[in-house]
Amino acid sequence: MTGIMALPAEALHTLCDIFPRVEMLARSVPGVSGIHELRAEYIGPETVRAGMHIEVQLGLPIEEADRIAEEVRQRMHRDTGYRYYVIYVDPATPEDTGPEEKTTTDPKEARPRGTHG
């Protein structure tokens, strides 16, 4: 078999469990309206590195977007025990939000920000 690497059963089990758990945790943080590009890498027992893009309201002040990203990172660390999370913040587009959340704010005001932990 070329191009296919066998994962240890522990790694496969860990990665299969982490995706729905991390998505649920991130979505539970107030201000997170969506998630995409969720990735996880099994490094070894007790060590997983994960990253994702969270979406926040278009036009949200940078300081508030950073606070939300930090809360997501802390919740991930606290509830999973894994230390390595990279959270990127993207503004939600009107297509990503419900009709009650649509905004006319200038998209230049919302810039993606990341926190690294």
PDB file of N, CA and C in Angstrom:
ATOM      1  N   MET A   1       0.842  -1.179   0.000  1.00  0.00           N
ATOM      2  CA  MET A   1       0.000   0.000   0.000  1.00  0.00           C
ATOM      3  C   MET A   1       0.889   1.245   0.000  1.00  0.00           C
ATOM      4  N   THR A   2       0.729   2.052  -0.980  1.00  0.00           N
ATOM      5  CA  THR A   2       1.489   3.299  -1.005  1.00  0.00           C
ATOM      6  C   THR A   2       0.605   4.458  -0.577  1.00  0.00           C
ATOM      7  N   GLY A   3       1.212   5.394   0.153  1.00  0.00           N
ATOM      8  CA  GLY A   3       0.487   6.584   0.548  1.00  0.00           C
ATOM      9  C   GLY A   3      -0.443   6.409   1.731  1.00  0.00           C
ATOM     10  N   ILE A   4      -0.513   5.225   2.293  1.00  0.00           N
ATOM     11  CA  ILE A   4      -1.392   4.996   3.431  1.00  0.00           C
ATOM     12  C   ILE A   4      -0.549   4.585   4.622  1.00  0.00           C
ATOM     13  N   MET A   5      -0.741   5.290   5.711  1.00  0.00           N
ATOM     14  CA  MET A   5      -0.012   4.970   6.927  1.00  0.00           C
ATOM     15  C   MET A   5      -1.003   4.408   7.948  1.00  0.00           C
ATOM     16  N   ALA A   6      -0.672   3.310   8.534  1.00  0.00           N
ATOM     17  CA  ALA A   6      -1.544   2.720   9.545  1.00  0.00           C
ATOM     18  C   ALA A   6      -1.411   3.493  10.853  1.00  0.00           C
ATOM     19  N   LEU A   7      -2.538   3.868  11.427  1.00  0.00           N
ATOM     20  CA  LEU A   7      -2.544   4.547  12.711  1.00  0.00           C
ATOM     21  C   LEU A   7      -2.730   3.522  13.820  1.00  0.00           C
ATOM     22  N   PRO A   8      -2.042   3.695  14.930  1.00  0.00           N
ATOM     23  CA  PRO A   8      -2.311   2.821  16.065  1.00  0.00           C
ATOM     24  C   PRO A   8      -3.776   2.977  16.480  1.00  0.00           C
ATOM     25  N   ALA A   9      -4.355   1.924  17.009  1.00  0.00           N
ATOM     26  CA  ALA A   9      -5.765   1.953  17.411  1.00  0.00           C
ATOM     27  C   ALA A   9      -6.043   3.089  18.383  1.00  0.00           C
ATOM     28  N   GLU A  10      -5.122   3.350  19.309  1.00  0.00           N
ATOM     29  CA  GLU A  10      -5.307   4.436  20.284  1.00  0.00           C
ATOM     30  C   GLU A  10      -5.414   5.786  19.581  1.00  0.00           C
ATOM     31  N   ALA A  11      -4.576   6.010  18.573  1.00  0.00           N
ATOM     32  CA  ALA A  11      -4.594   7.276  17.835  1.00  0.00           C
ATOM     33  C   ALA A  11      -5.909   7.442  17.090  1.00  0.00           C
ATOM     34  N   LEU A  12      -6.341   6.400  16.429  1.00  0.00           N
ATOM     35  CA  LEU A  12      -7.591   6.448  15.670  1.00  0.00           C
ATOM     36  C   LEU A  12      -8.775   6.716  16.592  1.00  0.00           C
ATOM     37  N   HIS A  13      -8.814   6.028  17.718  1.00  0.00           N
ATOM     38  CA  HIS A  13      -9.893   6.208  18.695  1.00  0.00           C
ATOM     39  C   HIS A  13      -9.893   7.640  19.228  1.00  0.00           C
ATOM     40  N   THR A  14      -8.723   8.157  19.576  1.00  0.00           N
ATOM     41  CA  THR A  14      -8.603   9.520  20.117  1.00  0.00           C
ATOM     42  C   THR A  14      -9.084  10.538  19.107  1.00  0.00           C
ATOM     43  N   LEU A  15      -8.648  10.437  17.869  1.00  0.00           N
ATOM     44  CA  LEU A  15      -9.022  11.418  16.852  1.00  0.00           C
ATOM     45  C   LEU A  15     -10.507  11.340  16.511  1.00  0.00           C
ATOM     46  N   CYS A  16     -11.057  10.136  16.471  1.00  0.00           N
ATOM     47  CA  CYS A  16     -12.495  10.003  16.187  1.00  0.00           C
ATOM     48  C   CYS A  16     -13.342  10.606  17.299  1.00  0.00           C
ATOM     49  N   ASP A  17     -12.868  10.507  18.530  1.00  0.00           N
ATOM     50  CA  ASP A  17     -13.608  11.056  19.668  1.00  0.00           C
ATOM     51  C   ASP A  17     -13.488  12.563  19.777  1.00  0.00           C
ATOM     52  N   ILE A  18     -12.354  13.114  19.381  1.00  0.00           N
ATOM     53  CA  ILE A  18     -12.108  14.528  19.651  1.00  0.00           C
ATOM     54  C   ILE A  18     -12.919  15.464  18.753  1.00  0.00           C
ATOM     55  N   PHE A  19     -13.175  15.102  17.513  1.00  0.00           N
ATOM     56  CA  PHE A  19     -13.846  16.025  16.601  1.00  0.00           C
ATOM     57  C   PHE A  19     -15.232  16.449  17.083  1.00  0.00           C
ATOM     58  N   PRO A  20     -16.146  15.522  17.370  1.00  0.00           N
ATOM     59  CA  PRO A  20     -17.468  15.990  17.824  1.00  0.00           C
ATOM     60  C   PRO A  20     -17.401  16.706  19.171  1.00  0.00           C
ATOM     61  N   ARG A  21     -16.503  16.275  20.016  1.00  0.00           N
ATOM     62  CA  ARG A  21     -16.357  16.889  21.340  1.00  0.00           C
ATOM     63  C   ARG A  21     -15.875  18.334  21.239  1.00  0.00           C
ATOM     64  N   VAL A  22     -14.842  18.563  20.436  1.00  0.00           N
ATOM     65  CA  VAL A  22     -14.278  19.900  20.263  1.00  0.00           C
ATOM     66  C   VAL A  22     -15.290  20.822  19.585  1.00  0.00           C
ATOM     67  N   GLU A  23     -15.983  20.321  18.593  1.00  0.00           N
ATOM     68  CA  GLU A  23     -16.988  21.140  17.919  1.00  0.00           C
ATOM     69  C   GLU A  23     -18.084  21.556  18.895  1.00  0.00           C
ATOM     70  N   MET A  24     -18.569  20.628  19.722  1.00  0.00           N
ATOM     71  CA  MET A  24     -19.604  20.939  20.703  1.00  0.00           C
ATOM     72  C   MET A  24     -19.102  21.984  21.705  1.00  0.00           C
ATOM     73  N   LEU A  25     -17.868  21.818  22.182  1.00  0.00           N
ATOM     74  CA  LEU A  25     -17.310  22.765  23.151  1.00  0.00           C
ATOM     75  C   LEU A  25     -17.181  24.163  22.550  1.00  0.00           C
ATOM     76  N   ALA A  26     -16.680  24.255  21.335  1.00  0.00           N
ATOM     77  CA  ALA A  26     -16.499  25.567  20.704  1.00  0.00           C
ATOM     78  C   ALA A  26     -17.842  26.242  20.468  1.00  0.00           C
ATOM     79  N   ARG A  27     -18.814  25.490  19.987  1.00  0.00           N
ATOM     80  CA  ARG A  27     -20.136  26.073  19.728  1.00  0.00           C
ATOM     81  C   ARG A  27     -20.849  26.491  21.012  1.00  0.00           C
ATOM     82  N   SER A  28     -20.431  25.956  22.150  1.00  0.00           N
ATOM     83  CA  SER A  28     -21.082  26.306  23.414  1.00  0.00           C
ATOM     84  C   SER A  28     -20.609  27.654  23.967  1.00  0.00           C
ATOM     85  N   VAL A  29     -19.569  28.231  23.384  1.00  0.00           N
ATOM     86  CA  VAL A  29     -19.061  29.529  23.841  1.00  0.00           C
ATOM     87  C   VAL A  29     -19.930  30.628  23.234  1.00  0.00           C
ATOM     88  N   PRO A  30     -20.506  31.492  24.065  1.00  0.00           N
ATOM     89  CA  PRO A  30     -21.315  32.589  23.531  1.00  0.00           C
ATOM     90  C   PRO A  30     -20.500  33.455  22.575  1.00  0.00           C
ATOM     91  N   GLY A  31     -21.093  33.754  21.424  1.00  0.00           N
ATOM     92  CA  GLY A  31     -20.420  34.571  20.421  1.00  0.00           C
ATOM     93  C   GLY A  31     -19.902  33.769  19.244  1.00  0.00           C
ATOM     94  N   VAL A  32     -19.779  32.434  19.396  1.00  0.00           N
ATOM     95  CA  VAL A  32     -19.329  31.585  18.290  1.00  0.00           C
ATOM     96  C   VAL A  32     -20.552  31.229  17.451  1.00  0.00           C
ATOM     97  N   SER A  33     -20.553  31.663  16.193  1.00  0.00           N
ATOM     98  CA  SER A  33     -21.702  31.385  15.334  1.00  0.00           C
ATOM     99  C   SER A  33     -21.442  30.253  14.349  1.00  0.00           C
ATOM    100  N   GLY A  34     -20.198  29.816  14.240  1.00  0.00           N
ATOM    101  CA  GLY A  34     -19.887  28.719  13.337  1.00  0.00           C
ATOM    102  C   GLY A  34     -18.449  28.258  13.518  1.00  0.00           C
ATOM    103  N   ILE A  35     -18.157  27.097  12.929  1.00  0.00           N
ATOM    104  CA  ILE A  35     -16.825  26.497  13.004  1.00  0.00           C
ATOM    105  C   ILE A  35     -16.523  25.892  11.642  1.00  0.00           C
ATOM    106  N   HIS A  36     -15.284  26.027  11.218  1.00  0.00           N
ATOM    107  CA  HIS A  36     -14.853  25.329  10.006  1.00  0.00           C
ATOM    108  C   HIS A  36     -13.358  25.054  10.099  1.00  0.00           C
ATOM    109  N   GLU A  37     -12.877  24.248   9.188  1.00  0.00           N
ATOM    110  CA  GLU A  37     -11.463  23.857   9.124  1.00  0.00           C
ATOM    111  C   GLU A  37     -10.944  23.308  10.448  1.00  0.00           C
ATOM    112  N   LEU A  38     -11.722  22.437  11.051  1.00  0.00           N
ATOM    113  CA  LEU A  38     -11.300  21.769  12.283  1.00  0.00           C
ATOM    114  C   LEU A  38     -10.292  20.682  11.921  1.00  0.00           C
ATOM    115  N   ARG A  39      -9.133  20.742  12.583  1.00  0.00           N
ATOM    116  CA  ARG A  39      -8.069  19.769  12.327  1.00  0.00           C
ATOM    117  C   ARG A  39      -7.517  19.276  13.647  1.00  0.00           C
ATOM    118  N   ALA A  40      -7.076  18.045  13.666  1.00  0.00           N
ATOM    119  CA  ALA A  40      -6.434  17.504  14.864  1.00  0.00           C
ATOM    120  C   ALA A  40      -5.323  16.564  14.432  1.00  0.00           C
ATOM    121  N   GLU A  41      -4.264  16.566  15.219  1.00  0.00           N
ATOM    122  CA  GLU A  41      -3.106  15.721  14.945  1.00  0.00           C
ATOM    123  C   GLU A  41      -2.746  14.964  16.216  1.00  0.00           C
ATOM    124  N   TYR A  42      -2.708  13.674  16.109  1.00  0.00           N
ATOM    125  CA  TYR A  42      -2.310  12.824  17.230  1.00  0.00           C
ATOM    126  C   TYR A  42      -0.792  12.804  17.276  1.00  0.00           C
ATOM    127  N   ILE A  43      -0.231  13.296  18.379  1.00  0.00           N
ATOM    128  CA  ILE A  43       1.216  13.337  18.525  1.00  0.00           C
ATOM    129  C   ILE A  43       1.710  12.157  19.348  1.00  0.00           C
ATOM    130  N   GLY A  44       0.932  11.748  20.300  1.00  0.00           N
ATOM    131  CA  GLY A  44       1.278  10.619  21.154  1.00  0.00           C
ATOM    132  C   GLY A  44       0.269  10.507  22.279  1.00  0.00           C
ATOM    133  N   PRO A  45       0.419   9.491  23.128  1.00  0.00           N
ATOM    134  CA  PRO A  45      -0.523   9.351  24.235  1.00  0.00           C
ATOM    135  C   PRO A  45      -0.606  10.658  25.028  1.00  0.00           C
ATOM    136  N   GLU A  46      -1.809  11.070  25.306  1.00  0.00           N
ATOM    137  CA  GLU A  46      -2.056  12.287  26.082  1.00  0.00           C
ATOM    138  C   GLU A  46      -1.719  13.572  25.332  1.00  0.00           C
ATOM    139  N   THR A  47      -1.369  13.502  24.048  1.00  0.00           N
ATOM    140  CA  THR A  47      -0.992  14.713  23.326  1.00  0.00           C
ATOM    141  C   THR A  47      -1.670  14.765  21.962  1.00  0.00           C
ATOM    142  N   VAL A  48      -2.536  15.758  21.810  1.00  0.00           N
ATOM    143  CA  VAL A  48      -3.199  16.031  20.540  1.00  0.00           C
ATOM    144  C   VAL A  48      -3.045  17.526  20.277  1.00  0.00           C
ATOM    145  N   ARG A  49      -2.744  17.861  19.038  1.00  0.00           N
ATOM    146  CA  ARG A  49      -2.690  19.269  18.640  1.00  0.00           C
ATOM    147  C   ARG A  49      -3.885  19.496  17.721  1.00  0.00           C
ATOM    148  N   ALA A  50      -4.670  20.532  18.015  1.00  0.00           N
ATOM    149  CA  ALA A  50      -5.872  20.793  17.228  1.00  0.00           C
ATOM    150  C   ALA A  50      -5.949  22.271  16.866  1.00  0.00           C
ATOM    151  N   GLY A  51      -6.652  22.541  15.812  1.00  0.00           N
ATOM    152  CA  GLY A  51      -6.870  23.906  15.384  1.00  0.00           C
ATOM    153  C   GLY A  51      -8.203  24.013  14.673  1.00  0.00           C
ATOM    154  N   MET A  52      -8.738  25.218  14.672  1.00  0.00           N
ATOM    155  CA  MET A  52     -10.008  25.446  13.997  1.00  0.00           C
ATOM    156  C   MET A  52     -10.192  26.926  13.736  1.00  0.00           C
ATOM    157  N   HIS A  53     -11.103  27.217  12.858  1.00  0.00           N
ATOM    158  CA  HIS A  53     -11.538  28.583  12.625  1.00  0.00           C
ATOM    159  C   HIS A  53     -12.920  28.702  13.248  1.00  0.00           C
ATOM    160  N   ILE A  54     -13.101  29.726  14.088  1.00  0.00           N
ATOM    161  CA  ILE A  54     -14.427  30.004  14.615  1.00  0.00           C
ATOM    162  C   ILE A  54     -14.948  31.244  13.908  1.00  0.00           C
ATOM    163  N   GLU A  55     -16.259  31.332  13.785  1.00  0.00           N
ATOM    164  CA  GLU A  55     -16.877  32.494  13.165  1.00  0.00           C
ATOM    165  C   GLU A  55     -17.596  33.289  14.239  1.00  0.00           C
ATOM    166  N   VAL A  56     -17.405  34.600  14.192  1.00  0.00           N
ATOM    167  CA  VAL A  56     -18.064  35.517  15.121  1.00  0.00           C
ATOM    168  C   VAL A  56     -18.801  36.576  14.308  1.00  0.00           C
ATOM    169  N   GLN A  57     -19.661  37.313  14.970  1.00  0.00           N
ATOM    170  CA  GLN A  57     -20.466  38.330  14.305  1.00  0.00           C
ATOM    171  C   GLN A  57     -19.601  39.310  13.521  1.00  0.00           C
ATOM    172  N   LEU A  58     -19.993  39.558  12.302  1.00  0.00           N
ATOM    173  CA  LEU A  58     -19.318  40.523  11.444  1.00  0.00           C
ATOM    174  C   LEU A  58     -19.316  41.893  12.118  1.00  0.00           C
ATOM    175  N   GLY A  59     -18.169  42.542  12.181  1.00  0.00           N
ATOM    176  CA  GLY A  59     -18.063  43.864  12.771  1.00  0.00           C
ATOM    177  C   GLY A  59     -17.805  43.872  14.268  1.00  0.00           C
ATOM    178  N   LEU A  60     -17.695  42.692  14.858  1.00  0.00           N
ATOM    179  CA  LEU A  60     -17.414  42.609  16.291  1.00  0.00           C
ATOM    180  C   LEU A  60     -16.044  43.227  16.558  1.00  0.00           C
ATOM    181  N   PRO A  61     -15.908  44.041  17.610  1.00  0.00           N
ATOM    182  CA  PRO A  61     -14.588  44.610  17.907  1.00  0.00           C
ATOM    183  C   PRO A  61     -13.533  43.513  18.091  1.00  0.00           C
ATOM    184  N   ILE A  62     -12.330  43.808  17.654  1.00  0.00           N
ATOM    185  CA  ILE A  62     -11.232  42.850  17.711  1.00  0.00           C
ATOM    186  C   ILE A  62     -11.029  42.326  19.132  1.00  0.00           C
ATOM    187  N   GLU A  63     -11.117  43.215  20.109  1.00  0.00           N
ATOM    188  CA  GLU A  63     -10.898  42.805  21.504  1.00  0.00           C
ATOM    189  C   GLU A  63     -11.924  41.757  21.929  1.00  0.00           C
ATOM    190  N   GLU A  64     -13.163  41.913  21.493  1.00  0.00           N
ATOM    191  CA  GLU A  64     -14.209  40.947  21.843  1.00  0.00           C
ATOM    192  C   GLU A  64     -13.988  39.630  21.098  1.00  0.00           C
ATOM    193  N   ALA A  65     -13.587  39.705  19.837  1.00  0.00           N
ATOM    194  CA  ALA A  65     -13.302  38.493  19.064  1.00  0.00           C
ATOM    195  C   ALA A  65     -12.144  37.722  19.700  1.00  0.00           C
ATOM    196  N   ASP A  66     -11.109  38.442  20.134  1.00  0.00           N
ATOM    197  CA  ASP A  66      -9.981  37.786  20.805  1.00  0.00           C
ATOM    198  C   ASP A  66     -10.406  37.155  22.126  1.00  0.00           C
ATOM    199  N   ARG A  67     -11.290  37.835  22.874  1.00  0.00           N
ATOM    200  CA  ARG A  67     -11.777  37.286  24.144  1.00  0.00           C
ATOM    201  C   ARG A  67     -12.543  35.985  23.893  1.00  0.00           C
ATOM    202  N   ILE A  68     -13.374  35.952  22.849  1.00  0.00           N
ATOM    203  CA  ILE A  68     -14.132  34.750  22.516  1.00  0.00           C
ATOM    204  C   ILE A  68     -13.182  33.616  22.137  1.00  0.00           C
ATOM    205  N   ALA A  69     -12.177  33.920  21.303  1.00  0.00           N
ATOM    206  CA  ALA A  69     -11.206  32.894  20.899  1.00  0.00           C
ATOM    207  C   ALA A  69     -10.456  32.346  22.107  1.00  0.00           C
ATOM    208  N   GLU A  70     -10.076  33.211  23.024  1.00  0.00           N
ATOM    209  CA  GLU A  70      -9.368  32.767  24.227  1.00  0.00           C
ATOM    210  C   GLU A  70     -10.275  31.897  25.094  1.00  0.00           C
ATOM    211  N   GLU A  71     -11.549  32.259  25.184  1.00  0.00           N
ATOM    212  CA  GLU A  71     -12.481  31.425  25.959  1.00  0.00           C
ATOM    213  C   GLU A  71     -12.635  30.047  25.324  1.00  0.00           C
ATOM    214  N   VAL A  72     -12.692  29.988  23.996  1.00  0.00           N
ATOM    215  CA  VAL A  72     -12.756  28.695  23.300  1.00  0.00           C
ATOM    216  C   VAL A  72     -11.512  27.884  23.622  1.00  0.00           C
ATOM    217  N   ARG A  73     -10.326  28.499  23.506  1.00  0.00           N
ATOM    218  CA  ARG A  73      -9.071  27.790  23.767  1.00  0.00           C
ATOM    219  C   ARG A  73      -9.021  27.276  25.205  1.00  0.00           C
ATOM    220  N   GLN A  74      -9.400  28.107  26.159  1.00  0.00           N
ATOM    221  CA  GLN A  74      -9.376  27.689  27.565  1.00  0.00           C
ATOM    222  C   GLN A  74     -10.370  26.567  27.839  1.00  0.00           C
ATOM    223  N   ARG A  75     -11.545  26.658  27.233  1.00  0.00           N
ATOM    224  CA  ARG A  75     -12.547  25.606  27.433  1.00  0.00           C
ATOM    225  C   ARG A  75     -12.067  24.286  26.842  1.00  0.00           C
ATOM    226  N   MET A  76     -11.415  24.349  25.684  1.00  0.00           N
ATOM    227  CA  MET A  76     -10.865  23.137  25.066  1.00  0.00           C
ATOM    228  C   MET A  76      -9.830  22.508  25.993  1.00  0.00           C
ATOM    229  N   HIS A  77      -8.927  23.324  26.478  1.00  0.00           N
ATOM    230  CA  HIS A  77      -7.867  22.821  27.357  1.00  0.00           C
ATOM    231  C   HIS A  77      -8.464  22.221  28.629  1.00  0.00           C
ATOM    232  N   ARG A  78      -9.377  22.945  29.249  1.00  0.00           N
ATOM    233  CA  ARG A  78      -9.965  22.492  30.509  1.00  0.00           C
ATOM    234  C   ARG A  78     -10.786  21.205  30.333  1.00  0.00           C
ATOM    235  N   ASP A  79     -11.581  21.141  29.276  1.00  0.00           N
ATOM    236  CA  ASP A  79     -12.509  20.023  29.130  1.00  0.00           C
ATOM    237  C   ASP A  79     -11.940  18.807  28.413  1.00  0.00           C
ATOM    238  N   THR A  80     -10.817  18.965  27.703  1.00  0.00           N
ATOM    239  CA  THR A  80     -10.214  17.807  27.031  1.00  0.00           C
ATOM    240  C   THR A  80      -8.894  17.394  27.662  1.00  0.00           C
ATOM    241  N   GLY A  81      -8.233  18.333  28.334  1.00  0.00           N
ATOM    242  CA  GLY A  81      -6.923  18.045  28.909  1.00  0.00           C
ATOM    243  C   GLY A  81      -5.781  18.235  27.926  1.00  0.00           C
ATOM    244  N   TYR A  82      -6.097  18.445  26.653  1.00  0.00           N
ATOM    245  CA  TYR A  82      -5.050  18.683  25.665  1.00  0.00           C
ATOM    246  C   TYR A  82      -4.649  20.141  25.718  1.00  0.00           C
ATOM    247  N   ARG A  83      -3.359  20.420  25.514  1.00  0.00           N
ATOM    248  CA  ARG A  83      -2.838  21.776  25.681  1.00  0.00           C
ATOM    249  C   ARG A  83      -2.683  22.558  24.388  1.00  0.00           C
ATOM    250  N   TYR A  84      -2.617  21.901  23.268  1.00  0.00           N
ATOM    251  CA  TYR A  84      -2.220  22.577  22.036  1.00  0.00           C
ATOM    252  C   TYR A  84      -3.418  22.851  21.128  1.00  0.00           C
ATOM    253  N   TYR A  85      -3.929  24.059  21.209  1.00  0.00           N
ATOM    254  CA  TYR A  85      -5.040  24.488  20.361  1.00  0.00           C
ATOM    255  C   TYR A  85      -4.666  25.805  19.706  1.00  0.00           C
ATOM    256  N   VAL A  86      -4.968  25.921  18.437  1.00  0.00           N
ATOM    257  CA  VAL A  86      -4.799  27.176  17.718  1.00  0.00           C
ATOM    258  C   VAL A  86      -6.186  27.553  17.214  1.00  0.00           C
ATOM    259  N   ILE A  87      -6.646  28.723  17.633  1.00  0.00           N
ATOM    260  CA  ILE A  87      -7.983  29.180  17.269  1.00  0.00           C
ATOM    261  C   ILE A  87      -7.839  30.416  16.390  1.00  0.00           C
ATOM    262  N   TYR A  88      -8.405  30.357  15.197  1.00  0.00           N
ATOM    263  CA  TYR A  88      -8.432  31.493  14.290  1.00  0.00           C
ATOM    264  C   TYR A  88      -9.853  32.050  14.279  1.00  0.00           C
ATOM    265  N   VAL A  89      -9.960  33.346  14.195  1.00  0.00           N
ATOM    266  CA  VAL A  89     -11.272  33.989  14.205  1.00  0.00           C
ATOM    267  C   VAL A  89     -11.564  34.572  12.831  1.00  0.00           C
ATOM    268  N   ASP A  90     -12.730  34.220  12.307  1.00  0.00           N
ATOM    269  CA  ASP A  90     -13.197  34.756  11.034  1.00  0.00           C
ATOM    270  C   ASP A  90     -14.536  35.442  11.261  1.00  0.00           C
ATOM    271  N   PRO A  91     -14.807  36.517  10.521  1.00  0.00           N
ATOM    272  CA  PRO A  91     -16.131  37.122  10.630  1.00  0.00           C
ATOM    273  C   PRO A  91     -17.156  36.246   9.913  1.00  0.00           C
ATOM    274  N   ALA A  92     -18.293  36.070  10.532  1.00  0.00           N
ATOM    275  CA  ALA A  92     -19.368  35.326   9.882  1.00  0.00           C
ATOM    276  C   ALA A  92     -19.914  36.190   8.760  1.00  0.00           C
ATOM    277  N   THR A  93     -20.160  35.588   7.623  1.00  0.00           N
ATOM    278  CA  THR A  93     -20.751  36.329   6.515  1.00  0.00           C
ATOM    279  C   THR A  93     -22.267  36.271   6.663  1.00  0.00           C
ATOM    280  N   PRO A  94     -22.996  37.176   6.035  1.00  0.00           N
ATOM    281  CA  PRO A  94     -24.459  37.137   6.151  1.00  0.00           C
ATOM    282  C   PRO A  94     -25.045  35.776   5.766  1.00  0.00           C
ATOM    283  N   GLU A  95     -24.397  35.056   4.850  1.00  0.00           N
ATOM    284  CA  GLU A  95     -24.894  33.728   4.467  1.00  0.00           C
ATOM    285  C   GLU A  95     -24.735  32.726   5.605  1.00  0.00           C
ATOM    286  N   ASP A  96     -23.764  32.973   6.524  1.00  0.00           N
ATOM    287  CA  ASP A  96     -23.494  32.061   7.627  1.00  0.00           C
ATOM    288  C   ASP A  96     -24.429  32.264   8.810  1.00  0.00           C
ATOM    289  N   THR A  97     -25.139  33.363   8.845  1.00  0.00           N
ATOM    290  CA  THR A  97     -25.944  33.698  10.005  1.00  0.00           C
ATOM    291  C   THR A  97     -27.419  33.609   9.671  1.00  0.00           C
ATOM    292  N   GLY A  98     -28.225  33.516  10.694  1.00  0.00           N
ATOM    293  CA  GLY A  98     -29.667  33.505  10.516  1.00  0.00           C
ATOM    294  C   GLY A  98     -30.152  34.904  10.182  1.00  0.00           C
ATOM    295  N   PRO A  99     -31.421  35.047   9.748  1.00  0.00           N
ATOM    296  CA  PRO A  99     -31.927  36.361   9.355  1.00  0.00           C
ATOM    297  C   PRO A  99     -31.853  37.388  10.485  1.00  0.00           C
ATOM    298  N   GLU A 100     -32.015  36.965  11.722  1.00  0.00           N
ATOM    299  CA  GLU A 100     -31.976  37.894  12.845  1.00  0.00           C
ATOM    300  C   GLU A 100     -30.569  38.388  13.144  1.00  0.00           C
ATOM    301  N   GLU A 101     -29.542  37.716  12.622  1.00  0.00           N
ATOM    302  CA  GLU A 101     -28.168  38.098  12.911  1.00  0.00           C
ATOM    303  C   GLU A 101     -27.516  38.857  11.762  1.00  0.00           C
ATOM    304  N   LYS A 102     -28.212  39.036  10.641  1.00  0.00           N
ATOM    305  CA  LYS A 102     -27.609  39.734   9.511  1.00  0.00           C
ATOM    306  C   LYS A 102     -27.291  41.163   9.899  1.00  0.00           C
ATOM    307  N   THR A 103     -26.203  41.653   9.350  1.00  0.00           N
ATOM    308  CA  THR A 103     -25.740  42.984   9.710  1.00  0.00           C
ATOM    309  C   THR A 103     -25.299  43.739   8.471  1.00  0.00           C
ATOM    310  N   THR A 104     -25.310  45.054   8.560  1.00  0.00           N
ATOM    311  CA  THR A 104     -24.837  45.878   7.453  1.00  0.00           C
ATOM    312  C   THR A 104     -23.490  46.498   7.786  1.00  0.00           C
ATOM    313  N   THR A 105     -22.824  46.021   8.837  1.00  0.00           N
ATOM    314  CA  THR A 105     -21.538  46.552   9.262  1.00  0.00           C
ATOM    315  C   THR A 105     -20.504  46.381   8.155  1.00  0.00           C
ATOM    316  N   ASP A 106     -19.633  47.360   8.031  1.00  0.00           N
ATOM    317  CA  ASP A 106     -18.569  47.334   7.037  1.00  0.00           C
ATOM    318  C   ASP A 106     -17.646  46.148   7.301  1.00  0.00           C
ATOM    319  N   PRO A 107     -17.469  45.221   6.338  1.00  0.00           N
ATOM    320  CA  PRO A 107     -16.631  44.036   6.568  1.00  0.00           C
ATOM    321  C   PRO A 107     -15.175  44.376   6.857  1.00  0.00           C
ATOM    322  N   LYS A 108     -14.712  45.570   6.526  1.00  0.00           N
ATOM    323  CA  LYS A 108     -13.327  45.945   6.804  1.00  0.00           C
ATOM    324  C   LYS A 108     -13.075  46.065   8.304  1.00  0.00           C
ATOM    325  N   GLU A 109     -14.149  46.257   9.089  1.00  0.00           N
ATOM    326  CA  GLU A 109     -13.997  46.410  10.533  1.00  0.00           C
ATOM    327  C   GLU A 109     -13.677  45.087  11.229  1.00  0.00           C
ATOM    328  N   ALA A 110     -14.056  43.968  10.648  1.00  0.00           N
ATOM    329  CA  ALA A 110     -13.813  42.658  11.272  1.00  0.00           C
ATOM    330  C   ALA A 110     -12.623  42.017  10.586  1.00  0.00           C
ATOM    331  N   ARG A 111     -11.557  41.806  11.335  1.00  0.00           N
ATOM    332  CA  ARG A 111     -10.352  41.183  10.797  1.00  0.00           C
ATOM    333  C   ARG A 111     -10.123  39.864  11.509  1.00  0.00           C
ATOM    334  N   PRO A 112      -9.732  38.811  10.771  1.00  0.00           N
ATOM    335  CA  PRO A 112      -9.430  37.543  11.438  1.00  0.00           C
ATOM    336  C   PRO A 112      -8.297  37.715  12.440  1.00  0.00           C
ATOM    337  N   ARG A 113      -8.434  37.110  13.588  1.00  0.00           N
ATOM    338  CA  ARG A 113      -7.412  37.138  14.635  1.00  0.00           C
ATOM    339  C   ARG A 113      -7.214  35.714  15.112  1.00  0.00           C
ATOM    340  N   GLY A 114      -6.058  35.400  15.632  1.00  0.00           N
ATOM    341  CA  GLY A 114      -5.811  34.062  16.159  1.00  0.00           C
ATOM    342  C   GLY A 114      -5.201  34.145  17.546  1.00  0.00           C
ATOM    343  N   THR A 115      -5.476  33.108  18.327  1.00  0.00           N
ATOM    344  CA  THR A 115      -4.788  32.973  19.613  1.00  0.00           C
ATOM    345  C   THR A 115      -4.069  31.646  19.569  1.00  0.00           C
ATOM    346  N   HIS A 116      -2.954  31.611  20.154  1.00  0.00           N
ATOM    347  CA  HIS A 116      -2.163  30.382  20.148  1.00  0.00           C
ATOM    348  C   HIS A 116      -1.946  29.953  21.580  1.00  0.00           C
ATOM    349  N   GLY A 117      -2.157  28.680  21.854  1.00  0.00           N
ATOM    350  CA  GLY A 117      -1.999  28.220  23.220  1.00  0.00           C
ATOM    351  C   GLY A 117      -1.289  26.934  23.323  1.00  0.00           C
TER     352      GLY A 117
END
